[in-house]
C-alpha atoms as a PDB file:
ATOM      1  CA  MET A   1    -143.380  53.112 -19.776  1.00  0.00           C
ATOM      2  CA  ARG A   2    -140.103  51.248 -20.044  1.00  0.00           C
ATOM      3  CA  LEU A   3    -136.829  53.121 -20.537  1.00  0.00           C
ATOM      4  CA  TYR A   4    -134.366  50.301 -21.188  1.00  0.00           C
ATOM      5  CA  GLY A   5    -131.221  51.438 -22.976  1.00  0.00           C
ATOM      6  CA  VAL A   6    -131.664  55.105 -22.169  1.00  0.00           C
ATOM      7  CA  TYR A   7    -128.962  56.467 -19.865  1.00  0.00           C
ATOM      8  CA  HIS A   8    -128.096  59.835 -18.511  1.00  0.00           C
ATOM      9  CA  SER A   9    -125.058  61.321 -20.313  1.00  0.00           C
ATOM     10  CA  LEU A  10    -123.034  61.641 -17.057  1.00  0.00           C
ATOM     11  CA  ALA A  11    -123.512  57.949 -16.276  1.00  0.00           C
ATOM     12  CA  VAL A  12    -122.146  56.963 -19.686  1.00  0.00           C
ATOM     13  CA  THR A  13    -119.169  59.335 -19.372  1.00  0.00           C
ATOM     14  CA  GLN A  14    -118.247  58.072 -15.902  1.00  0.00           C
ATOM     15  CA  SER A  15    -118.408  54.415 -16.933  1.00  0.00           C
ATOM     16  CA  ARG A  16    -116.247  55.096 -20.017  1.00  0.00           C
ATOM     17  CA  ALA A  17    -113.704  56.967 -17.893  1.00  0.00           C
ATOM     18  CA  LEU A  18    -113.602  54.089 -15.415  1.00  0.00           C
ATOM     19  CA  ALA A  19    -113.131  51.591 -18.252  1.00  0.00           C
ATOM     20  CA  ILE A  20    -110.255  53.670 -19.676  1.00  0.00           C
ATOM     21  CA  VAL A  21    -108.563  53.901 -16.255  1.00  0.00           C
ATOM     22  CA  VAL A  22    -108.864  50.135 -15.726  1.00  0.00           C
ATOM     23  CA  LEU A  23    -107.485  49.486 -19.211  1.00  0.00           C
ATOM     24  CA  LEU A  24    -104.512  51.814 -18.589  1.00  0.00           C
ATOM     25  CA  VAL A  25    -103.717  50.089 -15.283  1.00  0.00           C
ATOM     26  CA  VAL A  26    -103.761  46.670 -16.966  1.00  0.00           C
ATOM     27  CA  VAL A  27    -101.585  47.830 -19.886  1.00  0.00           C
ATOM     28  CA  LEU A  28     -99.056  49.544 -17.585  1.00  0.00           C
ATOM     29  CA  SER A  29     -98.765  46.519 -15.313  1.00  0.00           C
ATOM     30  CA  VAL A  30     -98.156  44.229 -18.298  1.00  0.00           C
ATOM     31  CA  LEU A  31     -95.539  46.598 -19.719  1.00  0.00           C
ATOM     32  CA  SER A  32     -93.729  46.975 -16.386  1.00  0.00           C
ATOM     33  CA  SER A  33     -93.590  43.215 -15.856  1.00  0.00           C
ATOM     34  CA  CYS A  34     -92.208  42.780 -19.376  1.00  0.00           C
ATOM     35  CA  ALA A  35     -89.551  45.429 -18.685  1.00  0.00           C
ATOM     36  CA  GLY A  36     -88.559  43.594 -15.495  1.00  0.00           C
ATOM     37  CA  LEU A  37     -88.271  40.306 -17.358  1.00  0.00           C
ATOM     38  CA  ARG A  38     -86.309  41.954 -20.115  1.00  0.00           C
ATOM     39  CA  SER A  39     -83.633  43.362 -17.789  1.00  0.00           C
ATOM     40  CA  ARG A  40     -83.282  40.138 -15.750  1.00  0.00           C
ATOM     41  CA  SER A  41     -83.237  37.765 -18.690  1.00  0.00           C
ATOM     42  CA  GLY A  42     -80.694  39.668 -20.729  1.00  0.00           C
ATOM     43  CA  TRP A  43     -82.751  40.961 -23.649  1.00  0.00           C
ATOM     44  CA  TYR A  44     -81.007  43.784 -25.493  1.00  0.00           C
ATOM     45  CA  GLY A  45     -77.624  42.429 -24.356  1.00  0.00           C
ATOM     46  CA  ALA A  46     -77.949  43.403 -20.672  1.00  0.00           C
ATOM     47  CA  SER A  47     -77.858  40.900 -17.841  1.00  0.00           C
ATOM     48  CA  LEU A  48     -77.096  40.499 -14.166  1.00  0.00           C
ATOM     49  CA  THR A  49     -74.514  37.860 -13.295  1.00  0.00           C
ATOM     50  CA  ARG A  50     -73.443  36.913  -9.777  1.00  0.00           C
ATOM     51  CA  GLY A  51     -70.193  35.195  -8.887  1.00  0.00           C
ATOM     52  CA  PHE A  52     -66.823  35.245  -7.149  1.00  0.00           C
ATOM     53  CA  VAL A  53     -63.879  37.197  -8.535  1.00  0.00           C
ATOM     54  CA  GLN A  54     -60.619  35.438  -9.180  1.00  0.00           C
ATOM     55  CA  LEU A  55     -57.546  36.459 -11.143  1.00  0.00           C
ATOM     56  CA  GLN A  56     -55.994  34.448 -13.971  1.00  0.00           C
ATOM     57  CA  ALA A  57     -52.744  32.910 -12.738  1.00  0.00           C
ATOM     58  CA  THR A  58     -50.740  33.921 -15.818  1.00  0.00           C
ATOM     59  CA  SER A  59     -52.096  37.360 -16.748  1.00  0.00           C
ATOM     60  CA  GLY A  60     -53.755  38.597 -13.551  1.00  0.00           C
ATOM     61  CA  LYS A  61     -56.905  39.467 -15.521  1.00  0.00           C
ATOM     62  CA  PRO A  62     -60.141  39.307 -13.523  1.00  0.00           C
ATOM     63  CA  GLN A  63     -62.548  36.425 -14.048  1.00  0.00           C
ATOM     64  CA  LEU A  64     -65.940  35.694 -12.533  1.00  0.00           C
ATOM     65  CA  GLN A  65     -66.612  32.201 -11.210  1.00  0.00           C
ATOM     66  CA  VAL A  66     -70.264  31.394 -11.856  1.00  0.00           C
ATOM     67  CA  SER A  67     -71.653  27.931 -11.045  1.00  0.00           C
ATOM     68  CA  GLY A  68     -68.317  26.211 -11.565  1.00  0.00           C
ATOM     69  CA  SER A  69     -67.406  27.933 -14.834  1.00  0.00           C
ATOM     70  CA  LEU A  70     -65.196  30.958 -15.384  1.00  0.00           C
ATOM     71  CA  LEU A  71     -66.089  34.051 -17.385  1.00  0.00           C
ATOM     72  CA  ASP A  72     -63.379  36.454 -18.514  1.00  0.00           C
ATOM     73  CA  MET A  73     -64.335  40.004 -17.556  1.00  0.00           C
ATOM     74  CA  GLN A  74     -63.726  42.933 -19.878  1.00  0.00           C
ATOM     75  CA  ALA A  75     -64.247  46.474 -18.624  1.00  0.00           C
ATOM     76  CA  ALA A  76     -63.128  50.058 -19.007  1.00  0.00           C
ATOM     77  CA  ALA A  77     -59.690  50.691 -17.478  1.00  0.00           C
ATOM     78  CA  ASP A  78     -61.015  52.282 -14.260  1.00  0.00           C
ATOM     79  CA  VAL A  79     -63.534  49.470 -13.645  1.00  0.00           C
ATOM     80  CA  ASP A  80     -60.956  46.807 -14.577  1.00  0.00           C
ATOM     81  CA  GLY A  81     -58.571  48.218 -11.953  1.00  0.00           C
ATOM     82  CA  GLN A  82     -61.274  47.957  -9.291  1.00  0.00           C
ATOM     83  CA  LEU A  83     -62.117  44.364 -10.278  1.00  0.00           C
ATOM     84  CA  ARG A  84     -58.456  43.338  -9.983  1.00  0.00           C
ATOM     85  CA  VAL A  85     -58.346  44.284  -6.274  1.00  0.00           C
ATOM     86  CA  LEU A  86     -61.534  42.363  -5.442  1.00  0.00           C
ATOM     87  CA  GLU A  87     -60.186  38.815  -5.654  1.00  0.00           C
ATOM     88  CA  GLY A  88     -62.414  36.585  -3.514  1.00  0.00           C
ATOM     89  CA  ALA A  89     -65.302  39.073  -3.442  1.00  0.00           C
ATOM     90  CA  PHE A  90     -68.834  38.038  -4.443  1.00  0.00           C
ATOM     91  CA  LEU A  91     -70.246  40.501  -6.993  1.00  0.00           C
ATOM     92  CA  ALA A  92     -73.401  41.288  -8.900  1.00  0.00           C
ATOM     93  CA  VAL A  93     -72.152  42.330 -12.330  1.00  0.00           C
ATOM     94  CA  HIS A  94     -74.238  44.235 -14.886  1.00  0.00           C
ATOM     95  CA  GLY A  95     -73.201  43.751 -18.487  1.00  0.00           C
ATOM     96  CA  SER A  96     -73.489  41.589 -21.553  1.00  0.00           C
ATOM     97  CA  ARG A  97     -72.413  37.947 -21.770  1.00  0.00           C
ATOM     98  CA  SER A  98     -71.291  35.991 -24.804  1.00  0.00           C
ATOM     99  CA  GLU A  99     -69.010  33.005 -25.402  1.00  0.00           C
ATOM    100  CA  GLY A 100     -67.275  32.968 -22.011  1.00  0.00           C
ATOM    101  CA  VAL A 101     -66.775  36.741 -21.863  1.00  0.00           C
ATOM    102  CA  LEU A 102     -68.621  39.162 -19.597  1.00  0.00           C
ATOM    103  CA  LYS A 103     -68.441  42.805 -20.705  1.00  0.00           C
ATOM    104  CA  VAL A 104     -68.817  44.701 -17.438  1.00  0.00           C
ATOM    105  CA  ARG A 105     -70.814  47.933 -17.344  1.00  0.00           C
ATOM    106  CA  SER A 106     -70.999  48.172 -13.547  1.00  0.00           C
ATOM    107  CA  PHE A 107     -70.845  45.996 -10.458  1.00  0.00           C
ATOM    108  CA  GLU A 108     -71.994  45.842  -6.867  1.00  0.00           C
ATOM    109  CA  ILE A 109     -69.988  44.190  -4.083  1.00  0.00           C
ATOM    110  CA  LEU A 110     -72.356  41.815  -2.304  1.00  0.00           C
ATOM    111  CA  GLU A 111     -69.651  40.221  -0.157  1.00  0.00           C
ATOM    112  CA  ALA A 112     -66.173  41.688   0.393  1.00  0.00           C
ATOM    113  CA  PRO A 113     -63.057  39.510   0.130  1.00  0.00           C
ATOM    114  CA  ASP A 114     -63.240  39.032   3.921  1.00  0.00           C
ATOM    115  CA  GLY A 115     -66.688  37.411   3.583  1.00  0.00           C
ATOM    116  CA  LEU A 116     -68.707  40.280   5.097  1.00  0.00           C
ATOM    117  CA  ALA A 117     -71.231  42.621   3.476  1.00  0.00           C
ATOM    118  CA  PRO A 118     -69.349  45.884   2.823  1.00  0.00           C
ATOM    119  CA  MET A 119     -70.210  49.534   2.663  1.00  0.00           C
ATOM    120  CA  VAL A 120     -68.802  51.321  -0.382  1.00  0.00           C
ATOM    121  CA  GLY A 121     -68.116  55.011  -0.692  1.00  0.00           C
ATOM    122  CA  ALA A 122     -65.645  57.862  -0.585  1.00  0.00           C
ATOM    123  CA  VAL A 123     -63.321  58.636   2.298  1.00  0.00           C
ATOM    124  CA  VAL A 124     -63.889  62.117   3.725  1.00  0.00           C
ATOM    125  CA  VAL A 125     -61.289  63.605   6.066  1.00  0.00           C
ATOM    126  CA  ASP A 126     -62.211  66.886   7.747  1.00  0.00           C
ATOM    127  CA  GLN A 127     -62.443  68.484  11.204  1.00  0.00           C
ATOM    128  CA  GLY A 128     -65.051  65.859  12.140  1.00  0.00           C
ATOM    129  CA  GLY A 129     -62.564  63.027  11.628  1.00  0.00           C
ATOM    130  CA  VAL A 130     -62.377  60.239   9.085  1.00  0.00           C
ATOM    131  CA  MET A 131     -65.702  59.294   7.535  1.00  0.00           C
ATOM    132  CA  LEU A 132     -67.133  57.215   4.743  1.00  0.00           C
ATOM    133  CA  GLU A 133     -69.690  58.889   2.487  1.00  0.00           C
ATOM    134  CA  ASP A 134     -71.869  55.864   1.735  1.00  0.00           C
ATOM    135  CA  GLU A 135     -72.800  55.525  -1.958  1.00  0.00           C
ATOM    136  CA  LEU A 136     -76.202  53.984  -1.229  1.00  0.00           C
ATOM    137  CA  SER A 137     -77.534  56.382   1.372  1.00  0.00           C
ATOM    138  CA  GLY A 138     -75.347  59.444   0.831  1.00  0.00           C
ATOM    139  CA  ARG A 139     -74.832  59.628   4.599  1.00  0.00           C
ATOM    140  CA  ARG A 140     -71.489  60.049   6.292  1.00  0.00           C
ATOM    141  CA  ILE A 141     -70.474  57.348   8.719  1.00  0.00           C
ATOM    142  CA  GLY A 142     -67.666  57.961  11.196  1.00  0.00           C
ATOM    143  CA  LEU A 143     -64.849  55.421  11.014  1.00  0.00           C
ATOM    144  CA  ARG A 144     -62.939  54.218  14.081  1.00  0.00           C
ATOM    145  CA  GLY A 145     -60.175  51.711  14.687  1.00  0.00           C
ATOM    146  CA  GLN A 146     -56.561  50.939  13.943  1.00  0.00           C
ATOM    147  CA  ALA A 147     -56.950  51.589  10.203  1.00  0.00           C
ATOM    148  CA  LEU A 148     -57.535  55.348  10.660  1.00  0.00           C
ATOM    149  CA  ALA A 149     -53.901  56.346  10.057  1.00  0.00           C
ATOM    150  CA  GLU A 150     -53.980  54.651   6.639  1.00  0.00           C
ATOM    151  CA  LEU A 151     -57.489  55.862   5.828  1.00  0.00           C
ATOM    152  CA  LYS A 152     -56.551  59.515   6.525  1.00  0.00           C
ATOM    153  CA  ARG A 153     -54.173  59.332   3.555  1.00  0.00           C
ATOM    154  CA  GLN A 154     -57.032  58.147   1.292  1.00  0.00           C
ATOM    155  CA  HIS A 155     -59.145  61.333   1.253  1.00  0.00           C
ATOM    156  CA  ALA A 156     -61.596  61.270  -1.716  1.00  0.00           C
ATOM    157  CA  ALA A 157     -60.713  57.655  -2.580  1.00  0.00           C
ATOM    158  CA  ARG A 158     -63.423  55.086  -3.285  1.00  0.00           C
ATOM    159  CA  ILE A 159     -63.150  52.181  -0.830  1.00  0.00           C
ATOM    160  CA  TRP A 160     -65.054  49.200   0.546  1.00  0.00           C
ATOM    161  CA  VAL A 161     -65.139  48.760   4.301  1.00  0.00           C
ATOM    162  CA  THR A 162     -66.459  46.117   6.698  1.00  0.00           C
ATOM    163  CA  GLY A 163     -66.747  46.254  10.457  1.00  0.00           C
ATOM    164  CA  SER A 164     -69.069  46.575  13.424  1.00  0.00           C
ATOM    165  CA  VAL A 165     -71.497  49.353  14.214  1.00  0.00           C
ATOM    166  CA  VAL A 166     -70.389  50.769  17.588  1.00  0.00           C
ATOM    167  CA  GLY A 167     -72.581  53.843  17.864  1.00  0.00           C
ATOM    168  CA  PRO A 168     -74.890  56.115  15.947  1.00  0.00           C
ATOM    169  CA  GLN A 169     -73.368  56.578  12.491  1.00  0.00           C
ATOM    170  CA  THR A 170     -70.065  55.038  13.693  1.00  0.00           C
ATOM    171  CA  LEU A 171     -68.324  51.974  12.291  1.00  0.00           C
ATOM    172  CA  LEU A 172     -65.359  50.152  13.868  1.00  0.00           C
ATOM    173  CA  VAL A 173     -63.317  49.142  10.814  1.00  0.00           C
ATOM    174  CA  ALA A 174     -62.403  45.456  10.556  1.00  0.00           C
ATOM    175  CA  ASN A 175     -61.141  45.453   6.947  1.00  0.00           C
ATOM    176  CA  TRP A 176     -61.075  47.828   4.033  1.00  0.00           C
ATOM    177  CA  GLY A 177     -59.825  47.944   0.475  1.00  0.00           C
ATOM    178  CA  LEU A 178     -58.974  50.674  -1.991  1.00  0.00           C
ATOM    179  CA  LEU A 179     -61.089  50.587  -5.166  1.00  0.00           C
ATOM    180  CA  SER A 180     -59.875  53.794  -6.826  1.00  0.00           C
ATOM    181  CA  ALA A 181     -57.626  56.599  -5.641  1.00  0.00           C
ATOM    182  CA  MET A 182     -59.992  59.436  -6.576  1.00  0.00           C
ATOM    183  CA  ARG A 183     -63.692  59.291  -7.256  1.00  0.00           C
END
């Protein structure tokens, strides 16, 4: 007696469940890759642009030099103030681009004006000394060096800082810059 085409009900259910899981994985991977392409390519008006900051000679407004061309940057007042003090820095800027204008939503400092990769965060002055609360990790890093007298007056300010690691959670400050007085 041949029983082709007759299956136990559990076997059919398990194979359908497996097929549904495989289908969901494929659909989710396609959707996530499309979302990644969308954010990188600028769909919906958002893009990531990298370049060096320079200031217009006449107005002092910040511009971004990208592959030999200049884009005027427009931003909210607090962000615009931070961009103006970053002349010579290499940034990754998030925002929308059109006709030579980059509307800045946010930015990341990839290279400080001194050419080094910076740490960015808030200055914390307490009984432990002068520290930087790093925005990326949330950890506090002790600051050392000749700049401490100036940095003590910048409690709660947002700064960028470059230097050398000289111990566990300790940075010898080479250069720093004020981004905003209070965070």
